[in-house]
PDB file of N, CA and C in Angstrom:
ATOM      1  N   MET A   1      63.538  73.219  -4.334  1.00  0.00           N
ATOM      2  CA  MET A   1      63.046  72.072  -3.775  1.00  0.00           C
ATOM      3  C   MET A   1      62.998  70.659  -4.760  1.00  0.00           C
ATOM      4  N   PRO A   2      63.612  69.390  -4.257  1.00  0.00           N
ATOM      5  CA  PRO A   2      63.710  68.323  -5.354  1.00  0.00           C
ATOM      6  C   PRO A   2      62.151  67.782  -5.488  1.00  0.00           C
ATOM      7  N   LYS A   3      61.737  67.117  -6.636  1.00  0.00           N
ATOM      8  CA  LYS A   3      60.764  66.742  -6.767  1.00  0.00           C
ATOM      9  C   LYS A   3      60.084  65.341  -5.867  1.00  0.00           C
ATOM     10  N   LEU A   4      58.872  65.334  -5.463  1.00  0.00           N
ATOM     11  CA  LEU A   4      58.207  64.466  -4.412  1.00  0.00           C
ATOM     12  C   LEU A   4      57.954  63.249  -5.411  1.00  0.00           C
ATOM     13  N   PRO A   5      58.434  62.056  -4.864  1.00  0.00           N
ATOM     14  CA  PRO A   5      58.090  60.696  -5.255  1.00  0.00           C
ATOM     15  C   PRO A   5      56.609  60.730  -5.430  1.00  0.00           C
ATOM     16  N   ILE A   6      56.214  59.905  -6.296  1.00  0.00           N
ATOM     17  CA  ILE A   6      54.637  59.628  -6.605  1.00  0.00           C
ATOM     18  C   ILE A   6      54.245  58.310  -5.562  1.00  0.00           C
ATOM     19  N   LEU A   7      53.672  58.432  -4.616  1.00  0.00           N
ATOM     20  CA  LEU A   7      53.216  57.231  -3.859  1.00  0.00           C
ATOM     21  C   LEU A   7      51.649  57.221  -3.486  1.00  0.00           C
ATOM     22  N   SER A   8      51.531  56.040  -3.178  1.00  0.00           N
ATOM     23  CA  SER A   8      50.103  55.698  -3.000  1.00  0.00           C
ATOM     24  C   SER A   8      49.754  55.827  -1.463  1.00  0.00           C
ATOM     25  N   GLY A   9      48.566  55.870  -1.037  1.00  0.00           N
ATOM     26  CA  GLY A   9      48.141  55.895   0.143  1.00  0.00           C
ATOM     27  C   GLY A   9      48.651  55.075   1.223  1.00  0.00           C
ATOM     28  N   LYS A  10      48.861  53.900   0.540  1.00  0.00           N
ATOM     29  CA  LYS A  10      49.598  52.759   1.614  1.00  0.00           C
ATOM     30  C   LYS A  10      50.825  52.699   1.747  1.00  0.00           C
ATOM     31  N   GLU A  11      51.601  53.454   0.677  1.00  0.00           N
ATOM     32  CA  GLU A  11      52.960  53.445   0.652  1.00  0.00           C
ATOM     33  C   GLU A  11      53.044  54.744   1.689  1.00  0.00           C
ATOM     34  N   TRP A  12      52.345  55.697   1.736  1.00  0.00           N
ATOM     35  CA  TRP A  12      52.192  56.884   2.737  1.00  0.00           C
ATOM     36  C   TRP A  12      52.160  56.199   4.107  1.00  0.00           C
ATOM     37  N   ILE A  13      51.262  55.559   4.399  1.00  0.00           N
ATOM     38  CA  ILE A  13      51.180  54.857   5.701  1.00  0.00           C
ATOM     39  C   ILE A  13      52.207  54.205   6.364  1.00  0.00           C
ATOM     40  N   LYS A  14      52.898  53.473   5.391  1.00  0.00           N
ATOM     41  CA  LYS A  14      54.129  52.766   5.807  1.00  0.00           C
ATOM     42  C   LYS A  14      55.185  53.642   6.201  1.00  0.00           C
ATOM     43  N   PHE A  15      55.450  54.875   5.377  1.00  0.00           N
ATOM     44  CA  PHE A  15      56.554  55.799   5.656  1.00  0.00           C
ATOM     45  C   PHE A  15      56.300  56.424   6.897  1.00  0.00           C
ATOM     46  N   LEU A  16      54.885  56.828   7.190  1.00  0.00           N
ATOM     47  CA  LEU A  16      54.537  57.340   8.366  1.00  0.00           C
ATOM     48  C   LEU A  16      54.758  56.597   9.603  1.00  0.00           C
ATOM     49  N   GLU A  17      54.432  55.259   9.585  1.00  0.00           N
ATOM     50  CA  GLU A  17      54.551  54.433  10.540  1.00  0.00           C
ATOM     51  C   GLU A  17      56.286  54.321  10.661  1.00  0.00           C
ATOM     52  N   TRP A  18      56.904  54.171   9.728  1.00  0.00           N
ATOM     53  CA  TRP A  18      58.350  54.331   9.838  1.00  0.00           C
ATOM     54  C   TRP A  18      58.768  55.526  10.686  1.00  0.00           C
ATOM     55  N   LEU A  19      58.320  56.415  10.807  1.00  0.00           N
ATOM     56  CA  LEU A  19      58.645  57.858  10.925  1.00  0.00           C
ATOM     57  C   LEU A  19      58.006  57.949  12.346  1.00  0.00           C
ATOM     58  N   GLY A  20      57.100  56.973  13.118  1.00  0.00           N
ATOM     59  CA  GLY A  20      56.734  56.894  14.313  1.00  0.00           C
ATOM     60  C   GLY A  20      55.337  57.216  14.478  1.00  0.00           C
ATOM     61  N   PHE A  21      54.478  57.533  13.487  1.00  0.00           N
ATOM     62  CA  PHE A  21      53.124  57.654  13.579  1.00  0.00           C
ATOM     63  C   PHE A  21      52.351  56.342  13.711  1.00  0.00           C
ATOM     64  N   VAL A  22      51.206  56.471  14.187  1.00  0.00           N
ATOM     65  CA  VAL A  22      50.126  55.363  14.735  1.00  0.00           C
ATOM     66  C   VAL A  22      48.900  55.525  13.955  1.00  0.00           C
ATOM     67  N   VAL A  23      48.523  54.421  13.460  1.00  0.00           N
ATOM     68  CA  VAL A  23      46.991  54.580  12.966  1.00  0.00           C
ATOM     69  C   VAL A  23      46.170  54.638  13.987  1.00  0.00           C
ATOM     70  N   VAL A  24      45.341  55.940  14.028  1.00  0.00           N
ATOM     71  CA  VAL A  24      44.513  55.985  15.372  1.00  0.00           C
ATOM     72  C   VAL A  24      43.132  55.584  15.321  1.00  0.00           C
ATOM     73  N   ARG A  25      42.624  55.717  14.142  1.00  0.00           N
ATOM     74  CA  ARG A  25      41.382  55.157  13.385  1.00  0.00           C
ATOM     75  C   ARG A  25      40.991  55.305  11.983  1.00  0.00           C
ATOM     76  N   VAL A  26      40.157  54.386  11.669  1.00  0.00           N
ATOM     77  CA  VAL A  26      39.701  54.301  10.182  1.00  0.00           C
ATOM     78  C   VAL A  26      38.642  54.512   9.913  1.00  0.00           C
ATOM     79  N   ASN A  27      38.123  55.729   9.200  1.00  0.00           N
ATOM     80  CA  ASN A  27      36.692  55.899   8.652  1.00  0.00           C
ATOM     81  C   ASN A  27      36.595  55.957   7.346  1.00  0.00           C
ATOM     82  N   GLY A  28      36.143  54.702   6.713  1.00  0.00           N
ATOM     83  CA  GLY A  28      35.960  54.357   5.245  1.00  0.00           C
ATOM     84  C   GLY A  28      37.249  54.233   4.756  1.00  0.00           C
ATOM     85  N   SER A  29      37.586  55.169   3.975  1.00  0.00           N
ATOM     86  CA  SER A  29      38.831  54.892   3.263  1.00  0.00           C
ATOM     87  C   SER A  29      39.981  55.789   3.556  1.00  0.00           C
ATOM     88  N   HIS A  30      39.706  56.660   4.907  1.00  0.00           N
ATOM     89  CA  HIS A  30      40.451  57.650   5.181  1.00  0.00           C
ATOM     90  C   HIS A  30      41.065  57.229   6.594  1.00  0.00           C
ATOM     91  N   HIS A  31      42.577  56.824   6.832  1.00  0.00           N
ATOM     92  CA  HIS A  31      43.422  56.790   8.034  1.00  0.00           C
ATOM     93  C   HIS A  31      43.906  57.885   8.763  1.00  0.00           C
ATOM     94  N   ARG A  32      43.579  57.810   9.860  1.00  0.00           N
ATOM     95  CA  ARG A  32      43.815  59.044  10.735  1.00  0.00           C
ATOM     96  C   ARG A  32      45.256  58.444  11.712  1.00  0.00           C
ATOM     97  N   MET A  33      46.153  59.350  11.388  1.00  0.00           N
ATOM     98  CA  MET A  33      47.404  58.995  12.158  1.00  0.00           C
ATOM     99  C   MET A  33      47.879  59.961  12.953  1.00  0.00           C
ATOM    100  N   LYS A  34      48.509  59.568  14.292  1.00  0.00           N
ATOM    101  CA  LYS A  34      49.136  60.611  14.979  1.00  0.00           C
ATOM    102  C   LYS A  34      50.344  60.039  15.622  1.00  0.00           C
ATOM    103  N   SER A  35      51.065  61.098  15.861  1.00  0.00           N
ATOM    104  CA  SER A  35      52.624  60.692  16.305  1.00  0.00           C
ATOM    105  C   SER A  35      52.470  61.399  17.679  1.00  0.00           C
ATOM    106  N   LYS A  36      53.775  60.955  18.408  1.00  0.00           N
ATOM    107  CA  LYS A  36      53.952  60.913  19.946  1.00  0.00           C
ATOM    108  C   LYS A  36      53.836  62.430  20.385  1.00  0.00           C
ATOM    109  N   ASP A  37      54.388  63.220  19.368  1.00  0.00           N
ATOM    110  CA  ASP A  37      54.406  64.700  19.772  1.00  0.00           C
ATOM    111  C   ASP A  37      53.154  65.376  19.388  1.00  0.00           C
ATOM    112  N   GLY A  38      52.376  64.882  19.097  1.00  0.00           N
ATOM    113  CA  GLY A  38      50.772  65.288  18.798  1.00  0.00           C
ATOM    114  C   GLY A  38      50.157  65.706  17.643  1.00  0.00           C
ATOM    115  N   ARG A  39      50.968  65.596  16.735  1.00  0.00           N
ATOM    116  CA  ARG A  39      50.955  66.018  15.280  1.00  0.00           C
ATOM    117  C   ARG A  39      49.877  64.978  14.493  1.00  0.00           C
ATOM    118  N   VAL A  40      49.008  65.244  14.063  1.00  0.00           N
ATOM    119  CA  VAL A  40      47.916  64.457  13.696  1.00  0.00           C
ATOM    120  C   VAL A  40      47.627  64.515  11.870  1.00  0.00           C
ATOM    121  N   THR A  41      47.516  63.634  11.091  1.00  0.00           N
ATOM    122  CA  THR A  41      47.209  63.927   9.518  1.00  0.00           C
ATOM    123  C   THR A  41      46.186  62.707   9.105  1.00  0.00           C
ATOM    124  N   THR A  42      45.638  62.926   7.928  1.00  0.00           N
ATOM    125  CA  THR A  42      44.809  61.840   7.551  1.00  0.00           C
ATOM    126  C   THR A  42      45.154  61.610   6.122  1.00  0.00           C
ATOM    127  N   ILE A  43      45.271  60.346   5.901  1.00  0.00           N
ATOM    128  CA  ILE A  43      45.754  59.814   4.675  1.00  0.00           C
ATOM    129  C   ILE A  43      44.574  59.002   3.905  1.00  0.00           C
ATOM    130  N   PRO A  44      44.091  59.673   2.844  1.00  0.00           N
ATOM    131  CA  PRO A  44      43.196  58.799   1.822  1.00  0.00           C
ATOM    132  C   PRO A  44      43.592  57.548   1.230  1.00  0.00           C
ATOM    133  N   VAL A  45      43.137  56.432   1.555  1.00  0.00           N
ATOM    134  CA  VAL A  45      43.583  55.192   0.675  1.00  0.00           C
ATOM    135  C   VAL A  45      42.469  54.699  -0.110  1.00  0.00           C
ATOM    136  N   HIS A  46      42.691  54.908  -1.506  1.00  0.00           N
ATOM    137  CA  HIS A  46      41.736  54.620  -2.453  1.00  0.00           C
ATOM    138  C   HIS A  46      42.240  53.580  -3.467  1.00  0.00           C
ATOM    139  N   GLY A  47      42.341  52.193  -2.960  1.00  0.00           N
ATOM    140  CA  GLY A  47      43.057  51.186  -3.632  1.00  0.00           C
ATOM    141  C   GLY A  47      44.435  51.576  -3.894  1.00  0.00           C
ATOM    142  N   ASN A  48      44.915  51.531  -4.969  1.00  0.00           N
ATOM    143  CA  ASN A  48      46.606  51.739  -5.105  1.00  0.00           C
ATOM    144  C   ASN A  48      46.634  53.045  -5.983  1.00  0.00           C
ATOM    145  N   GLU A  49      45.951  53.885  -5.973  1.00  0.00           N
ATOM    146  CA  GLU A  49      45.772  55.283  -6.631  1.00  0.00           C
ATOM    147  C   GLU A  49      46.969  55.969  -6.069  1.00  0.00           C
ATOM    148  N   ASP A  50      47.447  56.740  -6.757  1.00  0.00           N
ATOM    149  CA  ASP A  50      48.611  57.728  -6.325  1.00  0.00           C
ATOM    150  C   ASP A  50      47.921  58.982  -5.816  1.00  0.00           C
ATOM    151  N   LEU A  51      48.537  59.725  -4.694  1.00  0.00           N
ATOM    152  CA  LEU A  51      48.027  60.831  -4.134  1.00  0.00           C
ATOM    153  C   LEU A  51      48.489  62.026  -4.729  1.00  0.00           C
ATOM    154  N   PRO A  52      47.803  62.963  -5.096  1.00  0.00           N
ATOM    155  CA  PRO A  52      48.208  64.260  -5.996  1.00  0.00           C
ATOM    156  C   PRO A  52      49.358  65.023  -5.173  1.00  0.00           C
ATOM    157  N   VAL A  53      50.283  65.560  -5.820  1.00  0.00           N
ATOM    158  CA  VAL A  53      51.532  66.244  -5.309  1.00  0.00           C
ATOM    159  C   VAL A  53      50.804  67.179  -4.249  1.00  0.00           C
ATOM    160  N   ARG A  54      50.023  68.156  -4.650  1.00  0.00           N
ATOM    161  CA  ARG A  54      49.472  68.961  -3.674  1.00  0.00           C
ATOM    162  C   ARG A  54      49.051  68.571  -2.264  1.00  0.00           C
ATOM    163  N   LEU A  55      48.490  67.401  -2.333  1.00  0.00           N
ATOM    164  CA  LEU A  55      47.921  66.708  -1.199  1.00  0.00           C
ATOM    165  C   LEU A  55      49.150  66.139  -0.486  1.00  0.00           C
ATOM    166  N   MET A  56      50.203  65.700  -0.914  1.00  0.00           N
ATOM    167  CA  MET A  56      51.424  65.066  -0.429  1.00  0.00           C
ATOM    168  C   MET A  56      52.085  66.196   0.303  1.00  0.00           C
ATOM    169  N   ARG A  57      52.345  67.509  -0.140  1.00  0.00           N
ATOM    170  CA  ARG A  57      53.069  68.673   0.271  1.00  0.00           C
ATOM    171  C   ARG A  57      51.982  69.275   1.308  1.00  0.00           C
ATOM    172  N   LYS A  58      50.856  68.959   1.648  1.00  0.00           N
ATOM    173  CA  LYS A  58      50.005  69.596   2.676  1.00  0.00           C
ATOM    174  C   LYS A  58      50.399  68.308   3.987  1.00  0.00           C
ATOM    175  N   ILE A  59      50.433  67.036   3.711  1.00  0.00           N
ATOM    176  CA  ILE A  59      50.601  66.043   4.691  1.00  0.00           C
ATOM    177  C   ILE A  59      52.271  66.299   5.214  1.00  0.00           C
ATOM    178  N   ILE A  60      53.141  66.744   4.322  1.00  0.00           N
ATOM    179  CA  ILE A  60      54.463  66.909   4.994  1.00  0.00           C
ATOM    180  C   ILE A  60      54.281  67.996   5.784  1.00  0.00           C
ATOM    181  N   ARG A  61      53.729  69.379   5.463  1.00  0.00           N
ATOM    182  CA  ARG A  61      53.725  70.290   6.591  1.00  0.00           C
ATOM    183  C   ARG A  61      53.077  69.798   7.880  1.00  0.00           C
TER     184      ARG A  61
END
């Protein structure tokens, strides 16, 4: 498997919106996103901090 690029929470939100996800709600610094086919994920946005690789793998799954 190729290495994942290091992205911040804001960059992940832009990428997921490009894939068709929509921000459903925001609770503090956590953005809940949902796709048309029912998949749901939560993206933490803490400034411009990068997300850990393990968390990015869980979001991809």
